[in-house]
Amino acid sequence: MTYLKNEILLFVGIFFILLSACTNKTEQAIQYNDKIITQQQQIVNLFNKLDSSFADTINQSFQKLYQNLKTEIEQQIKAIDTFPDFDSKSDFKQAYKKLLLVYNDVVNNDYAKMIKLYTLPDSLYTETIKSEFLQTNKLANDKLQQAINDFINFQKSFASTYQFSLQDQQP
């Protein structure tokens, strides 16, 4: 009977260790996810501020916000390569880098074009220019939405693999 009791205690001990290891890995995965999402949130906030600033035609605050956004994206692209892998895999940071590269493309191409159109003198800002601005804005939003959806799908897979749930963050 003592032998069986020791076997049960050994089994319970191993189960507890495995459960603790699993929980620890899950906690580490949550922290890793949150660290990257915190970085992404900085960019999302800058995009939101930039979009809102287009109404400020007098001070043209969008110029400074545009530069801040460009700088933040460039810094994050450089920094993500030095970010540690998770569980000996670089797939999460590579998925985020792919999103960062889309952010970079949209800012340097679509937003640059929108700013150029938006800063035209009123006398040159025709319905055609307005239409081009809106079309460029839609194209930028479509690119961003597709890249964000791809990243969220990766993130959902990561969360499933490491057994945690994602929660929507409201700004």
Protein backbone atom coordinates (compact mmCIF):
# COMPACT_ATOMS: atom_id res chain seq x y z
CA MET A 1 0.00 0.00 0.00
CA THR A 2 2.85 2.41 0.73
CA TYR A 3 4.26 1.71 -2.72
CA LEU A 4 0.92 2.58 -4.37
CA LYS A 5 0.64 5.71 -2.23
CA ASN A 6 4.12 6.79 -3.32
CA GLU A 7 3.19 6.14 -6.97
CA ILE A 8 0.07 8.27 -6.62
CA LEU A 9 2.01 11.05 -4.91
CA LEU A 10 4.67 10.88 -7.62
CA PHE A 11 1.97 11.05 -10.32
CA VAL A 12 0.24 14.00 -8.61
CA GLY A 13 3.62 15.72 -8.24
CA ILE A 14 4.46 15.27 -11.93
CA PHE A 15 0.97 16.42 -12.94
CA PHE A 16 1.34 19.53 -10.76
CA ILE A 17 4.77 20.28 -12.27
CA LEU A 18 3.37 19.88 -15.80
CA LEU A 19 0.38 22.05 -14.94
CA SER A 20 2.68 24.70 -13.43
CA ALA A 21 4.96 24.60 -16.47
CA CYS A 22 1.97 24.94 -18.77
CA THR A 23 0.58 27.82 -16.77
CA ASN A 24 4.02 29.46 -16.67
CA LYS A 25 4.37 29.16 -20.47
CA THR A 26 0.86 30.55 -20.88
CA GLU A 27 1.70 33.52 -18.65
CA GLN A 28 4.90 34.11 -20.61
CA ALA A 29 2.94 33.98 -23.87
CA ILE A 30 0.42 36.50 -22.54
CA GLN A 31 3.22 38.85 -21.49
CA TYR A 32 4.94 38.47 -24.88
CA ASN A 33 1.68 39.17 -26.70
CA ASP A 34 0.92 42.17 -24.51
CA LYS A 35 4.37 43.66 -25.01
CA ILE A 36 4.00 43.60 -28.79
CA ILE A 37 0.40 44.84 -28.66
CA THR A 38 1.50 47.74 -26.45
CA GLN A 39 3.95 48.70 -29.18
CA GLN A 40 1.29 48.37 -31.84
CA GLN A 41 -1.12 50.49 -29.80
CA GLN A 42 1.35 53.39 -29.95
CA ILE A 43 1.18 53.31 -33.74
CA VAL A 44 -2.61 52.95 -33.80
CA ASN A 45 -2.95 55.96 -31.51
CA LEU A 46 -0.69 58.01 -33.77
CA PHE A 47 -2.70 56.98 -36.84
CA ASN A 48 -5.90 58.02 -35.05
CA LYS A 49 -4.42 61.39 -34.05
CA LEU A 50 -3.15 61.95 -37.58
CA ASP A 51 -6.53 61.14 -39.11
CA SER A 52 -8.26 63.48 -36.67
CA SER A 53 -5.76 66.26 -37.33
CA PHE A 54 -6.74 66.66 -40.98
CA ALA A 55 -9.56 68.91 -39.77
CA ASP A 56 -6.96 71.38 -38.45
CA THR A 57 -6.28 73.31 -41.64
CA ILE A 58 -5.02 76.42 -39.86
CA ASN A 59 -2.22 74.97 -37.70
CA GLN A 60 -1.61 71.97 -39.95
CA SER A 61 -0.79 69.83 -36.93
CA PHE A 62 -0.96 66.81 -39.23
CA GLN A 63 2.55 67.65 -40.47
CA LYS A 64 4.12 67.03 -37.06
CA LEU A 65 1.91 64.01 -36.31
CA TYR A 66 2.84 62.54 -39.69
CA GLN A 67 6.54 62.84 -38.84
CA ASN A 68 5.97 61.35 -35.37
CA LEU A 69 4.14 58.39 -36.91
CA LYS A 70 6.87 57.82 -39.52
CA THR A 71 9.56 57.93 -36.82
CA GLU A 72 7.68 55.55 -34.51
CA ILE A 73 7.17 52.99 -37.28
CA GLU A 74 10.82 53.21 -38.39
CA GLN A 75 12.03 52.76 -34.79
CA GLN A 76 9.76 49.77 -34.25
CA ILE A 77 10.90 48.13 -37.49
CA LYS A 78 14.51 48.38 -36.29
CA ALA A 79 13.66 47.28 -32.76
CA ILE A 80 11.57 44.22 -33.68
CA ASP A 81 14.64 42.43 -35.07
CA THR A 82 16.28 42.67 -31.65
CA PHE A 83 13.13 41.53 -29.86
CA PRO A 84 13.61 38.06 -28.34
CA ASP A 85 12.01 35.01 -29.91
CA PHE A 86 9.26 33.27 -27.99
CA ASP A 87 9.54 29.56 -27.26
CA SER A 88 12.50 29.41 -29.68
CA LYS A 89 10.30 30.70 -32.51
CA SER A 90 10.37 34.05 -34.27
CA ASP A 91 6.95 33.73 -35.92
CA PHE A 92 5.17 36.24 -33.66
CA LYS A 93 7.73 38.98 -34.13
CA GLN A 94 7.87 38.21 -37.87
CA ALA A 95 4.08 38.54 -38.09
CA TYR A 96 4.34 41.88 -36.32
CA LYS A 97 7.19 42.99 -38.57
CA LYS A 98 5.03 42.19 -41.59
CA LEU A 99 2.33 44.46 -40.13
CA LEU A 100 4.92 47.16 -39.44
CA LEU A 101 6.08 47.02 -43.05
CA VAL A 102 2.51 47.59 -44.24
CA TYR A 103 2.19 50.51 -41.81
CA ASN A 104 5.43 51.87 -43.24
CA ASP A 105 4.26 51.48 -46.84
CA VAL A 106 0.92 53.15 -46.14
CA VAL A 107 2.53 56.08 -44.32
CA ASN A 108 5.29 56.67 -46.85
CA ASN A 109 3.09 56.28 -49.91
CA ASP A 110 -0.62 56.73 -49.27
CA TYR A 111 -0.46 59.19 -46.38
CA ALA A 112 2.33 61.15 -48.06
CA LYS A 113 0.10 61.48 -51.14
CA MET A 114 -2.91 62.46 -49.03
CA ILE A 115 -0.90 65.15 -47.26
CA LYS A 116 0.40 66.46 -50.56
CA LEU A 117 -3.15 66.69 -51.89
CA TYR A 118 -4.52 68.12 -48.66
CA THR A 119 -1.96 70.90 -48.54
CA LEU A 120 -2.72 72.17 -52.04
CA PRO A 121 -3.93 75.76 -52.10
CA ASP A 122 -7.71 76.07 -51.98
CA SER A 123 -7.73 77.33 -55.55
CA LEU A 124 -6.26 74.00 -56.74
CA TYR A 125 -8.31 71.76 -54.45
CA THR A 126 -10.94 70.66 -56.96
CA GLU A 127 -13.55 67.92 -56.78
CA THR A 128 -11.13 65.72 -58.73
CA ILE A 129 -8.42 66.28 -56.11
CA LYS A 130 -10.92 65.66 -53.32
CA SER A 131 -11.98 62.43 -55.02
CA GLU A 132 -8.32 61.37 -55.40
CA PHE A 133 -7.74 62.13 -51.71
CA LEU A 134 -10.75 60.01 -50.67
CA GLN A 135 -9.75 57.19 -53.01
CA THR A 136 -6.20 57.18 -51.60
CA ASN A 137 -7.61 57.21 -48.08
CA LYS A 138 -9.83 54.22 -48.88
CA LEU A 139 -6.90 52.35 -50.44
CA ALA A 140 -4.78 53.04 -47.34
CA ASN A 141 -7.57 51.85 -45.04
CA ASP A 142 -8.08 48.70 -47.10
CA LYS A 143 -4.35 47.86 -46.95
CA LEU A 144 -4.26 48.51 -43.21
CA GLN A 145 -7.39 46.48 -42.54
CA GLN A 146 -6.07 43.47 -44.48
CA ALA A 147 -2.72 43.59 -42.67
CA ILE A 148 -4.40 43.98 -39.28
CA ASN A 149 -6.75 41.07 -40.03
CA ASP A 150 -3.76 38.89 -40.98
CA PHE A 151 -1.98 39.86 -37.77
CA ILE A 152 -5.09 39.22 -35.65
CA ASN A 153 -5.48 35.78 -37.24
CA PHE A 154 -1.87 34.99 -36.35
CA GLN A 155 -2.43 36.35 -32.85
CA LYS A 156 -5.53 34.14 -32.40
CA SER A 157 -3.51 31.11 -33.44
CA PHE A 158 -0.75 32.06 -30.99
CA ALA A 159 -3.29 32.49 -28.19
CA SER A 160 -4.84 29.13 -29.00
CA THR A 161 -1.45 27.41 -29.03
CA TYR A 162 -0.53 28.84 -25.62
CA GLN A 163 -4.06 28.46 -24.24
CA PHE A 164 -5.16 31.98 -23.45
CA SER A 165 -7.99 34.20 -24.61
CA LEU A 166 -7.65 37.51 -26.36
CA GLN A 167 -9.63 40.49 -25.17
CA ASP A 168 -10.48 43.55 -27.21
CA GLN A 169 -8.62 46.65 -26.09
CA GLN A 170 -10.59 49.84 -26.26
CA PRO A 171 -8.46 52.98 -26.65
